[in-house]
Amino acid sequence: MTKDKAILRAMEDAARKSGYKIRWDKGQFRGGSCTLDGSKLIVLNRHHPTEVHLGVLARALKGVPLQGVSIRKGMRKHVESTIQKYSFE
């Protein structure tokens, strides 16, 4: 597993632990987050590269306090720096 894929998995776990449901779909869309019927949802496009998925997850997690969220050992720093990197786009 590449470093980006490992960060992606850690970010997915953090999003789920923060109350988000994650959906992987195909189609003509970039991806993003929303609230649907009271549930927080992140939709990722299967056809896009890992870098795009990281950006979508980072923007969704930007305002989420992750201090109380359990993140795999050694990945917290990578997750937080990825969120910071993509939150300015």
C-alpha atoms as a PDB file:
ATOM      1  CA  MET A   1       0.000   0.000   0.000  1.00  0.00           C
ATOM      2  CA  THR A   2       1.368   3.413  -0.948  1.00  0.00           C
ATOM      3  CA  LYS A   3       1.726   6.219   1.587  1.00  0.00           C
ATOM      4  CA  ASP A   4      -1.163   8.173   0.020  1.00  0.00           C
ATOM      5  CA  LYS A   5      -3.420   5.099   0.149  1.00  0.00           C
ATOM      6  CA  ALA A   6      -2.528   4.568   3.826  1.00  0.00           C
ATOM      7  CA  ILE A   7      -3.369   8.220   4.568  1.00  0.00           C
ATOM      8  CA  LEU A   8      -6.626   7.830   2.629  1.00  0.00           C
ATOM      9  CA  ARG A   9      -7.614   4.787   4.732  1.00  0.00           C
ATOM     10  CA  ALA A  10      -6.745   6.642   7.952  1.00  0.00           C
ATOM     11  CA  MET A  11      -8.818   9.650   6.837  1.00  0.00           C
ATOM     12  CA  GLU A  12     -11.754   7.389   5.956  1.00  0.00           C
ATOM     13  CA  ASP A  13     -11.552   5.830   9.427  1.00  0.00           C
ATOM     14  CA  ALA A  14     -11.407   9.272  11.068  1.00  0.00           C
ATOM     15  CA  ALA A  15     -14.418  10.442   9.039  1.00  0.00           C
ATOM     16  CA  ARG A  16     -16.446   7.373  10.020  1.00  0.00           C
ATOM     17  CA  LYS A  17     -15.521   7.812  13.685  1.00  0.00           C
ATOM     18  CA  SER A  18     -16.629  11.458  13.379  1.00  0.00           C
ATOM     19  CA  GLY A  19     -20.095  10.386  12.268  1.00  0.00           C
ATOM     20  CA  TYR A  20     -19.746  10.427   8.472  1.00  0.00           C
ATOM     21  CA  LYS A  21     -20.929   7.689   6.159  1.00  0.00           C
ATOM     22  CA  ILE A  22     -18.679   7.219   3.134  1.00  0.00           C
ATOM     23  CA  ARG A  23     -20.034   6.262  -0.260  1.00  0.00           C
ATOM     24  CA  TRP A  24     -17.954   5.271  -3.281  1.00  0.00           C
ATOM     25  CA  ASP A  25     -19.809   5.768  -6.586  1.00  0.00           C
ATOM     26  CA  LYS A  26     -19.080   6.125 -10.287  1.00  0.00           C
ATOM     27  CA  GLY A  27     -20.255   8.997 -12.444  1.00  0.00           C
ATOM     28  CA  GLN A  28     -19.621  12.510 -13.643  1.00  0.00           C
ATOM     29  CA  PHE A  29     -19.007  14.256 -10.315  1.00  0.00           C
ATOM     30  CA  ARG A  30     -16.043  15.436  -8.263  1.00  0.00           C
ATOM     31  CA  GLY A  31     -17.221  14.273  -4.843  1.00  0.00           C
ATOM     32  CA  GLY A  32     -17.920  16.102  -1.634  1.00  0.00           C
ATOM     33  CA  SER A  33     -19.758  16.092   1.652  1.00  0.00           C
ATOM     34  CA  CYS A  34     -23.332  16.886   2.583  1.00  0.00           C
ATOM     35  CA  THR A  35     -26.089  16.080   5.044  1.00  0.00           C
ATOM     36  CA  LEU A  36     -28.777  13.752   3.703  1.00  0.00           C
ATOM     37  CA  ASP A  37     -31.827  12.983   5.838  1.00  0.00           C
ATOM     38  CA  GLY A  38     -29.904  14.046   8.931  1.00  0.00           C
ATOM     39  CA  SER A  39     -26.872  11.841   8.178  1.00  0.00           C
ATOM     40  CA  LYS A  40     -23.447  13.260   7.355  1.00  0.00           C
ATOM     41  CA  LEU A  41     -22.263  11.825   4.044  1.00  0.00           C
ATOM     42  CA  ILE A  42     -19.048  11.946   2.014  1.00  0.00           C
ATOM     43  CA  VAL A  43     -19.278  10.786  -1.603  1.00  0.00           C
ATOM     44  CA  LEU A  44     -16.104   9.764  -3.440  1.00  0.00           C
ATOM     45  CA  ASN A  45     -15.834   9.023  -7.166  1.00  0.00           C
ATOM     46  CA  ARG A  46     -14.244   5.623  -7.860  1.00  0.00           C
ATOM     47  CA  HIS A  47     -12.776   6.887 -11.148  1.00  0.00           C
ATOM     48  CA  HIS A  48     -10.742   9.691  -9.575  1.00  0.00           C
ATOM     49  CA  PRO A  49      -7.158   9.322  -8.345  1.00  0.00           C
ATOM     50  CA  THR A  50      -6.240   9.037  -4.670  1.00  0.00           C
ATOM     51  CA  GLU A  51      -5.130  12.680  -4.576  1.00  0.00           C
ATOM     52  CA  VAL A  52      -8.676  13.846  -5.393  1.00  0.00           C
ATOM     53  CA  HIS A  53     -10.109  11.541  -2.704  1.00  0.00           C
ATOM     54  CA  LEU A  54      -7.666  13.023  -0.181  1.00  0.00           C
ATOM     55  CA  GLY A  55      -8.833  16.531  -1.089  1.00  0.00           C
ATOM     56  CA  VAL A  56     -12.521  15.641  -0.728  1.00  0.00           C
ATOM     57  CA  LEU A  57     -11.952  14.018   2.671  1.00  0.00           C
ATOM     58  CA  ALA A  58      -9.711  16.878   3.834  1.00  0.00           C
ATOM     59  CA  ARG A  59     -12.330  19.505   3.005  1.00  0.00           C
ATOM     60  CA  ALA A  60     -15.014  17.462   4.794  1.00  0.00           C
ATOM     61  CA  LEU A  61     -12.851  17.007   7.903  1.00  0.00           C
ATOM     62  CA  LYS A  62     -11.510  20.579   7.950  1.00  0.00           C
ATOM     63  CA  GLY A  63     -13.713  21.794  10.815  1.00  0.00           C
ATOM     64  CA  VAL A  64     -14.043  18.470  12.628  1.00  0.00           C
ATOM     65  CA  PRO A  65     -12.193  18.271  15.959  1.00  0.00           C
ATOM     66  CA  LEU A  66     -10.060  15.131  15.664  1.00  0.00           C
ATOM     67  CA  GLN A  67      -8.479  15.292  19.132  1.00  0.00           C
ATOM     68  CA  GLY A  68     -10.918  12.709  20.513  1.00  0.00           C
ATOM     69  CA  VAL A  69     -10.874  10.535  17.394  1.00  0.00           C
ATOM     70  CA  SER A  70      -8.719   7.419  17.458  1.00  0.00           C
ATOM     71  CA  ILE A  71      -6.414   7.429  14.417  1.00  0.00           C
ATOM     72  CA  ARG A  72      -4.007   4.612  13.596  1.00  0.00           C
ATOM     73  CA  LYS A  73      -0.612   4.941  15.214  1.00  0.00           C
ATOM     74  CA  GLY A  74       1.783   7.091  13.216  1.00  0.00           C
ATOM     75  CA  MET A  75      -0.936   8.420  10.893  1.00  0.00           C
ATOM     76  CA  ARG A  76      -2.342  11.352  12.909  1.00  0.00           C
ATOM     77  CA  LYS A  77       0.425  13.731  11.767  1.00  0.00           C
ATOM     78  CA  HIS A  78      -0.103  12.735   8.112  1.00  0.00           C
ATOM     79  CA  VAL A  79      -3.891  13.106   8.382  1.00  0.00           C
ATOM     80  CA  GLU A  80      -3.637  16.545   9.996  1.00  0.00           C
ATOM     81  CA  SER A  81      -1.063  17.811   7.469  1.00  0.00           C
ATOM     82  CA  THR A  82      -3.192  16.514   4.569  1.00  0.00           C
ATOM     83  CA  ILE A  83      -6.251  18.326   5.934  1.00  0.00           C
ATOM     84  CA  GLN A  84      -4.205  21.520   6.236  1.00  0.00           C
ATOM     85  CA  LYS A  85      -2.757  21.122   2.724  1.00  0.00           C
ATOM     86  CA  TYR A  86      -6.108  20.664   0.969  1.00  0.00           C
ATOM     87  CA  SER A  87      -8.216  23.034   3.054  1.00  0.00           C
ATOM     88  CA  PHE A  88      -6.781  26.033   1.195  1.00  0.00           C
ATOM     89  CA  GLU A  89      -7.981  24.885  -2.244  1.00  0.00           C
END
